[in-house]
Amino acid sequence: MITLRGREYGTAAELAHRLGGDVTERMIVNWRRRDGLECHHVGRTVYSPLDQAATIEAAKRHAARGRPRQLDQTLVSAA
């Protein structure tokens, strides 16, 4: 992870690690392509902002489509 102007940026692997166990590198790449997650190329490495990735992840987690996320299943079983 790198910090630039008070904002954290990371590679797909770093973002997936920070966002939780059920977020994969492939999901991050798809968010760049489909959902407009910013990407900045430094050489061959691509960095994206953590805060924007977290916003997209939260929106996806609360969406009605798709399979239930692990986090959602944990919250339901705890209630």
PDB file of N, CA and C in Angstrom:
ATOM      1  N   MET A   1       0.854  -1.176   0.000  1.00  0.00           N
ATOM      2  CA  MET A   1       0.000   0.000   0.000  1.00  0.00           C
ATOM      3  C   MET A   1       0.897   1.236   0.000  1.00  0.00           C
ATOM      4  N   ILE A   2       0.464   2.236  -0.738  1.00  0.00           N
ATOM      5  CA  ILE A   2       1.162   3.507  -0.755  1.00  0.00           C
ATOM      6  C   ILE A   2       0.155   4.600  -0.408  1.00  0.00           C
ATOM      7  N   THR A   3       0.644   5.685   0.140  1.00  0.00           N
ATOM      8  CA  THR A   3      -0.201   6.815   0.488  1.00  0.00           C
ATOM      9  C   THR A   3       0.232   8.007  -0.339  1.00  0.00           C
ATOM     10  N   LEU A   4      -0.737   8.641  -0.986  1.00  0.00           N
ATOM     11  CA  LEU A   4      -0.463   9.800  -1.813  1.00  0.00           C
ATOM     12  C   LEU A   4      -1.529  10.837  -1.527  1.00  0.00           C
ATOM     13  N   ARG A   5      -1.104  12.003  -1.051  1.00  0.00           N
ATOM     14  CA  ARG A   5      -2.021  13.094  -0.696  1.00  0.00           C
ATOM     15  C   ARG A   5      -3.114  12.638   0.265  1.00  0.00           C
ATOM     16  N   GLY A   6      -2.746  11.843   1.250  1.00  0.00           N
ATOM     17  CA  GLY A   6      -3.673  11.402   2.274  1.00  0.00           C
ATOM     18  C   GLY A   6      -4.615  10.275   1.862  1.00  0.00           C
ATOM     19  N   ARG A   7      -4.387   9.701   0.708  1.00  0.00           N
ATOM     20  CA  ARG A   7      -5.237   8.622   0.201  1.00  0.00           C
ATOM     21  C   ARG A   7      -4.402   7.373   0.015  1.00  0.00           C
ATOM     22  N   GLU A   8      -4.913   6.218   0.474  1.00  0.00           N
ATOM     23  CA  GLU A   8      -4.174   4.963   0.336  1.00  0.00           C
ATOM     24  C   GLU A   8      -4.501   4.308  -0.998  1.00  0.00           C
ATOM     25  N   TYR A   9      -3.466   3.825  -1.670  1.00  0.00           N
ATOM     26  CA  TYR A   9      -3.601   3.116  -2.940  1.00  0.00           C
ATOM     27  C   TYR A   9      -2.949   1.750  -2.797  1.00  0.00           C
ATOM     28  N   GLY A  10      -3.480   0.771  -3.515  1.00  0.00           N
ATOM     29  CA  GLY A  10      -2.893  -0.559  -3.463  1.00  0.00           C
ATOM     30  C   GLY A  10      -3.130  -1.320  -4.753  1.00  0.00           C
ATOM     31  N   THR A  11      -2.377  -2.394  -4.907  1.00  0.00           N
ATOM     32  CA  THR A  11      -2.580  -3.293  -6.042  1.00  0.00           C
ATOM     33  C   THR A  11      -3.836  -4.119  -5.776  1.00  0.00           C
ATOM     34  N   ALA A  12      -4.261  -4.886  -6.749  1.00  0.00           N
ATOM     35  CA  ALA A  12      -5.454  -5.718  -6.576  1.00  0.00           C
ATOM     36  C   ALA A  12      -5.269  -6.690  -5.412  1.00  0.00           C
ATOM     37  N   ALA A  13      -4.097  -7.283  -5.302  1.00  0.00           N
ATOM     38  CA  ALA A  13      -3.836  -8.231  -4.214  1.00  0.00           C
ATOM     39  C   ALA A  13      -3.885  -7.537  -2.855  1.00  0.00           C
ATOM     40  N   GLU A  14      -3.299  -6.354  -2.757  1.00  0.00           N
ATOM     41  CA  GLU A  14      -3.291  -5.626  -1.487  1.00  0.00           C
ATOM     42  C   GLU A  14      -4.697  -5.186  -1.097  1.00  0.00           C
ATOM     43  N   LEU A  15      -5.468  -4.706  -2.064  1.00  0.00           N
ATOM     44  CA  LEU A  15      -6.841  -4.286  -1.773  1.00  0.00           C
ATOM     45  C   LEU A  15      -7.703  -5.469  -1.356  1.00  0.00           C
ATOM     46  N   ALA A  16      -7.553  -6.596  -2.047  1.00  0.00           N
ATOM     47  CA  ALA A  16      -8.323  -7.791  -1.695  1.00  0.00           C
ATOM     48  C   ALA A  16      -7.998  -8.227  -0.265  1.00  0.00           C
ATOM     49  N   HIS A  17      -6.738  -8.165   0.105  1.00  0.00           N
ATOM     50  CA  HIS A  17      -6.326  -8.537   1.463  1.00  0.00           C
ATOM     51  C   HIS A  17      -6.939  -7.596   2.498  1.00  0.00           C
ATOM     52  N   ARG A  18      -6.932  -6.296   2.223  1.00  0.00           N
ATOM     53  CA  ARG A  18      -7.455  -5.310   3.167  1.00  0.00           C
ATOM     54  C   ARG A  18      -8.976  -5.343   3.283  1.00  0.00           C
ATOM     55  N   LEU A  19      -9.670  -5.714   2.202  1.00  0.00           N
ATOM     56  CA  LEU A  19     -11.129  -5.666   2.205  1.00  0.00           C
ATOM     57  C   LEU A  19     -11.787  -6.932   2.755  1.00  0.00           C
ATOM     58  N   GLY A  20     -11.032  -7.980   2.967  1.00  0.00           N
ATOM     59  CA  GLY A  20     -11.616  -9.156   3.592  1.00  0.00           C
ATOM     60  C   GLY A  20     -11.410 -10.423   2.810  1.00  0.00           C
ATOM     61  N   GLY A  21     -11.685 -11.531   3.467  1.00  0.00           N
ATOM     62  CA  GLY A  21     -11.419 -12.841   2.919  1.00  0.00           C
ATOM     63  C   GLY A  21     -12.247 -13.237   1.714  1.00  0.00           C
ATOM     64  N   ASP A  22     -13.439 -12.658   1.554  1.00  0.00           N
ATOM     65  CA  ASP A  22     -14.252 -13.062   0.418  1.00  0.00           C
ATOM     66  C   ASP A  22     -14.124 -12.115  -0.777  1.00  0.00           C
ATOM     67  N   VAL A  23     -13.192 -11.176  -0.724  1.00  0.00           N
ATOM     68  CA  VAL A  23     -12.890 -10.307  -1.864  1.00  0.00           C
ATOM     69  C   VAL A  23     -11.627 -10.847  -2.526  1.00  0.00           C
ATOM     70  N   THR A  24     -11.702 -11.073  -3.825  1.00  0.00           N
ATOM     71  CA  THR A  24     -10.570 -11.645  -4.549  1.00  0.00           C
ATOM     72  C   THR A  24      -9.924 -10.596  -5.454  1.00  0.00           C
ATOM     73  N   GLU A  25      -8.719 -10.912  -5.919  1.00  0.00           N
ATOM     74  CA  GLU A  25      -8.030 -10.034  -6.862  1.00  0.00           C
ATOM     75  C   GLU A  25      -8.859  -9.865  -8.124  1.00  0.00           C
ATOM     76  N   ARG A  26      -9.475 -10.937  -8.585  1.00  0.00           N
ATOM     77  CA  ARG A  26     -10.279 -10.887  -9.807  1.00  0.00           C
ATOM     78  C   ARG A  26     -11.456  -9.934  -9.645  1.00  0.00           C
ATOM     79  N   MET A  27     -12.058  -9.889  -8.442  1.00  0.00           N
ATOM     80  CA  MET A  27     -13.157  -8.965  -8.181  1.00  0.00           C
ATOM     81  C   MET A  27     -12.687  -7.521  -8.325  1.00  0.00           C
ATOM     82  N   ILE A  28     -11.505  -7.220  -7.809  1.00  0.00           N
ATOM     83  CA  ILE A  28     -10.949  -5.868  -7.901  1.00  0.00           C
ATOM     84  C   ILE A  28     -10.755  -5.489  -9.365  1.00  0.00           C
ATOM     85  N   VAL A  29     -10.192  -6.405 -10.147  1.00  0.00           N
ATOM     86  CA  VAL A  29      -9.977  -6.154 -11.579  1.00  0.00           C
ATOM     87  C   VAL A  29     -11.321  -5.919 -12.276  1.00  0.00           C
ATOM     88  N   ASN A  30     -12.331  -6.702 -11.930  1.00  0.00           N
ATOM     89  CA  ASN A  30     -13.660  -6.517 -12.513  1.00  0.00           C
ATOM     90  C   ASN A  30     -14.259  -5.170 -12.125  1.00  0.00           C
ATOM     91  N   TRP A  31     -14.040  -4.736 -10.890  1.00  0.00           N
ATOM     92  CA  TRP A  31     -14.537  -3.430 -10.457  1.00  0.00           C
ATOM     93  C   TRP A  31     -13.887  -2.321 -11.266  1.00  0.00           C
ATOM     94  N   ARG A  32     -12.612  -2.477 -11.603  1.00  0.00           N
ATOM     95  CA  ARG A  32     -11.942  -1.480 -12.442  1.00  0.00           C
ATOM     96  C   ARG A  32     -12.615  -1.411 -13.805  1.00  0.00           C
ATOM     97  N   ARG A  33     -12.909  -2.554 -14.371  1.00  0.00           N
ATOM     98  CA  ARG A  33     -13.470  -2.621 -15.710  1.00  0.00           C
ATOM     99  C   ARG A  33     -14.960  -2.256 -15.738  1.00  0.00           C
ATOM    100  N   ARG A  34     -15.734  -2.777 -14.795  1.00  0.00           N
ATOM    101  CA  ARG A  34     -17.193  -2.634 -14.836  1.00  0.00           C
ATOM    102  C   ARG A  34     -17.735  -1.453 -14.037  1.00  0.00           C
ATOM    103  N   ASP A  35     -17.125  -1.182 -12.890  1.00  0.00           N
ATOM    104  CA  ASP A  35     -17.708  -0.218 -11.954  1.00  0.00           C
ATOM    105  C   ASP A  35     -16.952   1.101 -11.866  1.00  0.00           C
ATOM    106  N   GLY A  36     -15.928   1.263 -12.680  1.00  0.00           N
ATOM    107  CA  GLY A  36     -15.234   2.540 -12.732  1.00  0.00           C
ATOM    108  C   GLY A  36     -14.257   2.794 -11.604  1.00  0.00           C
ATOM    109  N   LEU A  37     -13.751   1.724 -10.978  1.00  0.00           N
ATOM    110  CA  LEU A  37     -12.721   1.902  -9.955  1.00  0.00           C
ATOM    111  C   LEU A  37     -11.495   2.519 -10.616  1.00  0.00           C
ATOM    112  N   GLU A  38     -11.041   3.636 -10.067  1.00  0.00           N
ATOM    113  CA  GLU A  38      -9.883   4.329 -10.639  1.00  0.00           C
ATOM    114  C   GLU A  38      -8.680   3.395 -10.677  1.00  0.00           C
ATOM    115  N   CYS A  39      -7.840   3.570 -11.677  1.00  0.00           N
ATOM    116  CA  CYS A  39      -6.590   2.821 -11.711  1.00  0.00           C
ATOM    117  C   CYS A  39      -5.488   3.732 -12.242  1.00  0.00           C
ATOM    118  N   HIS A  40      -4.340   3.640 -11.595  1.00  0.00           N
ATOM    119  CA  HIS A  40      -3.178   4.439 -11.951  1.00  0.00           C
ATOM    120  C   HIS A  40      -2.024   3.485 -12.214  1.00  0.00           C
ATOM    121  N   HIS A  41      -1.450   3.584 -13.384  1.00  0.00           N
ATOM    122  CA  HIS A  41      -0.359   2.698 -13.784  1.00  0.00           C
ATOM    123  C   HIS A  41       0.972   3.332 -13.400  1.00  0.00           C
ATOM    124  N   VAL A  42       1.783   2.567 -12.687  1.00  0.00           N
ATOM    125  CA  VAL A  42       3.152   2.962 -12.360  1.00  0.00           C
ATOM    126  C   VAL A  42       4.023   1.830 -12.884  1.00  0.00           C
ATOM    127  N   GLY A  43       4.583   2.050 -14.054  1.00  0.00           N
ATOM    128  CA  GLY A  43       5.281   0.958 -14.726  1.00  0.00           C
ATOM    129  C   GLY A  43       4.259  -0.094 -15.121  1.00  0.00           C
ATOM    130  N   ARG A  44       4.510  -1.325 -14.728  1.00  0.00           N
ATOM    131  CA  ARG A  44       3.561  -2.408 -15.023  1.00  0.00           C
ATOM    132  C   ARG A  44       2.604  -2.676 -13.878  1.00  0.00           C
ATOM    133  N   THR A  45       2.736  -1.933 -12.795  1.00  0.00           N
ATOM    134  CA  THR A  45       1.896  -2.125 -11.614  1.00  0.00           C
ATOM    135  C   THR A  45       0.708  -1.167 -11.670  1.00  0.00           C
ATOM    136  N   VAL A  46      -0.470  -1.664 -11.321  1.00  0.00           N
ATOM    137  CA  VAL A  46      -1.689  -0.855 -11.338  1.00  0.00           C
ATOM    138  C   VAL A  46      -2.153  -0.659  -9.896  1.00  0.00           C
ATOM    139  N   TYR A  47      -2.348   0.593  -9.516  1.00  0.00           N
ATOM    140  CA  TYR A  47      -2.807   0.943  -8.175  1.00  0.00           C
ATOM    141  C   TYR A  47      -4.208   1.537  -8.242  1.00  0.00           C
ATOM    142  N   SER A  48      -5.022   1.244  -7.220  1.00  0.00           N
ATOM    143  CA  SER A  48      -6.370   1.795  -7.100  1.00  0.00           C
ATOM    144  C   SER A  48      -6.552   2.293  -5.674  1.00  0.00           C
ATOM    145  N   PRO A  49      -7.419   3.298  -5.480  1.00  0.00           N
ATOM    146  CA  PRO A  49      -7.630   3.843  -4.135  1.00  0.00           C
ATOM    147  C   PRO A  49      -8.450   2.897  -3.251  1.00  0.00           C
ATOM    148  N   LEU A  50      -7.990   2.733  -2.030  1.00  0.00           N
ATOM    149  CA  LEU A  50      -8.652   1.855  -1.069  1.00  0.00           C
ATOM    150  C   LEU A  50     -10.049   2.357  -0.733  1.00  0.00           C
ATOM    151  N   ASP A  51     -10.211   3.662  -0.523  1.00  0.00           N
ATOM    152  CA  ASP A  51     -11.525   4.183  -0.125  1.00  0.00           C
ATOM    153  C   ASP A  51     -12.579   3.963  -1.205  1.00  0.00           C
ATOM    154  N   GLN A  52     -12.210   4.127  -2.454  1.00  0.00           N
ATOM    155  CA  GLN A  52     -13.162   3.898  -3.531  1.00  0.00           C
ATOM    156  C   GLN A  52     -13.487   2.409  -3.664  1.00  0.00           C
ATOM    157  N   ALA A  53     -12.503   1.548  -3.496  1.00  0.00           N
ATOM    158  CA  ALA A  53     -12.741   0.107  -3.539  1.00  0.00           C
ATOM    159  C   ALA A  53     -13.658  -0.320  -2.395  1.00  0.00           C
ATOM    160  N   ALA A  54     -13.477   0.268  -1.215  1.00  0.00           N
ATOM    161  CA  ALA A  54     -14.323  -0.062  -0.064  1.00  0.00           C
ATOM    162  C   ALA A  54     -15.769   0.377  -0.308  1.00  0.00           C
ATOM    163  N   THR A  55     -15.953   1.518  -0.964  1.00  0.00           N
ATOM    164  CA  THR A  55     -17.298   1.996  -1.291  1.00  0.00           C
ATOM    165  C   THR A  55     -17.987   1.049  -2.267  1.00  0.00           C
ATOM    166  N   ILE A  56     -17.268   0.620  -3.292  1.00  0.00           N
ATOM    167  CA  ILE A  56     -17.830  -0.317  -4.268  1.00  0.00           C
ATOM    168  C   ILE A  56     -18.149  -1.648  -3.594  1.00  0.00           C
ATOM    169  N   GLU A  57     -17.252  -2.107  -2.733  1.00  0.00           N
ATOM    170  CA  GLU A  57     -17.467  -3.383  -2.038  1.00  0.00           C
ATOM    171  C   GLU A  57     -18.711  -3.320  -1.165  1.00  0.00           C
ATOM    172  N   ALA A  58     -18.914  -2.217  -0.462  1.00  0.00           N
ATOM    173  CA  ALA A  58     -20.094  -2.078   0.396  1.00  0.00           C
ATOM    174  C   ALA A  58     -21.373  -2.054  -0.442  1.00  0.00           C
ATOM    175  N   ALA A  59     -21.331  -1.369  -1.575  1.00  0.00           N
ATOM    176  CA  ALA A  59     -22.507  -1.333  -2.455  1.00  0.00           C
ATOM    177  C   ALA A  59     -22.821  -2.727  -2.993  1.00  0.00           C
ATOM    178  N   LYS A  60     -21.788  -3.476  -3.362  1.00  0.00           N
ATOM    179  CA  LYS A  60     -21.992  -4.834  -3.870  1.00  0.00           C
ATOM    180  C   LYS A  60     -22.519  -5.747  -2.771  1.00  0.00           C
ATOM    181  N   ARG A  61     -22.016  -5.572  -1.559  1.00  0.00           N
ATOM    182  CA  ARG A  61     -22.427  -6.422  -0.441  1.00  0.00           C
ATOM    183  C   ARG A  61     -23.902  -6.231  -0.115  1.00  0.00           C
ATOM    184  N   HIS A  62     -24.398  -5.005  -0.246  1.00  0.00           N
ATOM    185  CA  HIS A  62     -25.785  -4.717   0.101  1.00  0.00           C
ATOM    186  C   HIS A  62     -26.736  -4.872  -1.074  1.00  0.00           C
ATOM    187  N   ALA A  63     -26.220  -5.195  -2.250  1.00  0.00           N
ATOM    188  CA  ALA A  63     -27.071  -5.386  -3.432  1.00  0.00           C
ATOM    189  C   ALA A  63     -27.870  -6.684  -3.283  1.00  0.00           C
ATOM    190  N   ALA A  64     -29.043  -6.713  -3.887  1.00  0.00           N
ATOM    191  CA  ALA A  64     -29.908  -7.886  -3.777  1.00  0.00           C
ATOM    192  C   ALA A  64     -29.473  -9.009  -4.704  1.00  0.00           C
ATOM    193  N   ARG A  65     -28.641  -8.709  -5.706  1.00  0.00           N
ATOM    194  CA  ARG A  65     -28.234  -9.722  -6.680  1.00  0.00           C
ATOM    195  C   ARG A  65     -27.060 -10.549  -6.171  1.00  0.00           C
ATOM    196  N   GLY A  66     -26.926 -11.742  -6.718  1.00  0.00           N
ATOM    197  CA  GLY A  66     -25.754 -12.575  -6.448  1.00  0.00           C
ATOM    198  C   GLY A  66     -25.873 -13.423  -5.201  1.00  0.00           C
ATOM    199  N   ARG A  67     -24.825 -14.173  -4.955  1.00  0.00           N
ATOM    200  CA  ARG A  67     -24.804 -15.059  -3.799  1.00  0.00           C
ATOM    201  C   ARG A  67     -24.564 -14.249  -2.524  1.00  0.00           C
ATOM    202  N   PRO A  68     -25.049 -14.735  -1.370  1.00  0.00           N
ATOM    203  CA  PRO A  68     -24.790 -14.041  -0.122  1.00  0.00           C
ATOM    204  C   PRO A  68     -23.295 -14.027   0.177  1.00  0.00           C
ATOM    205  N   ARG A  69     -22.801 -12.918   0.650  1.00  0.00           N
ATOM    206  CA  ARG A  69     -21.388 -12.792   0.980  1.00  0.00           C
ATOM    207  C   ARG A  69     -21.131 -13.425   2.340  1.00  0.00           C
ATOM    208  N   GLN A  70     -19.910 -13.834   2.610  1.00  0.00           N
ATOM    209  CA  GLN A  70     -19.575 -14.470   3.886  1.00  0.00           C
ATOM    210  C   GLN A  70     -19.875 -13.528   5.049  1.00  0.00           C
ATOM    211  N   LEU A  71     -19.585 -12.243   4.869  1.00  0.00           N
ATOM    212  CA  LEU A  71     -19.839 -11.275   5.921  1.00  0.00           C
ATOM    213  C   LEU A  71     -21.330 -11.239   6.252  1.00  0.00           C
ATOM    214  N   ASP A  72     -22.191 -11.259   5.241  1.00  0.00           N
ATOM    215  CA  ASP A  72     -23.631 -11.241   5.460  1.00  0.00           C
ATOM    216  C   ASP A  72     -24.093 -12.488   6.210  1.00  0.00           C
ATOM    217  N   GLN A  73     -23.560 -13.641   5.886  1.00  0.00           N
ATOM    218  CA  GLN A  73     -23.937 -14.891   6.548  1.00  0.00           C
ATOM    219  C   GLN A  73     -23.514 -14.856   8.013  1.00  0.00           C
ATOM    220  N   THR A  74     -22.350 -14.261   8.300  1.00  0.00           N
ATOM    221  CA  THR A  74     -21.876 -14.163   9.677  1.00  0.00           C
ATOM    222  C   THR A  74     -22.800 -13.259  10.490  1.00  0.00           C
ATOM    223  N   LEU A  75     -23.230 -12.146   9.907  1.00  0.00           N
ATOM    224  CA  LEU A  75     -24.119 -11.223  10.609  1.00  0.00           C
ATOM    225  C   LEU A  75     -25.473 -11.860  10.878  1.00  0.00           C
ATOM    226  N   VAL A  76     -25.976 -12.640   9.934  1.00  0.00           N
ATOM    227  CA  VAL A  76     -27.278 -13.288  10.117  1.00  0.00           C
ATOM    228  C   VAL A  76     -27.204 -14.348  11.213  1.00  0.00           C
ATOM    229  N   SER A  77     -26.142 -15.127  11.248  1.00  0.00           N
ATOM    230  CA  SER A  77     -26.019 -16.171  12.265  1.00  0.00           C
ATOM    231  C   SER A  77     -25.772 -15.595  13.658  1.00  0.00           C
ATOM    232  N   ALA A  78     -25.211 -14.387  13.732  1.00  0.00           N
ATOM    233  CA  ALA A  78     -24.950 -13.759  15.029  1.00  0.00           C
ATOM    234  C   ALA A  78     -26.217 -13.151  15.611  1.00  0.00           C
ATOM    235  N   ALA A  79     -27.189 -12.846  14.785  1.00  0.00           N
ATOM    236  CA  ALA A  79     -28.419 -12.162  15.262  1.00  0.00           C
ATOM    237  C   ALA A  79     -29.363 -13.099  15.937  1.00  0.00           C
TER     238      ALA A  79
END
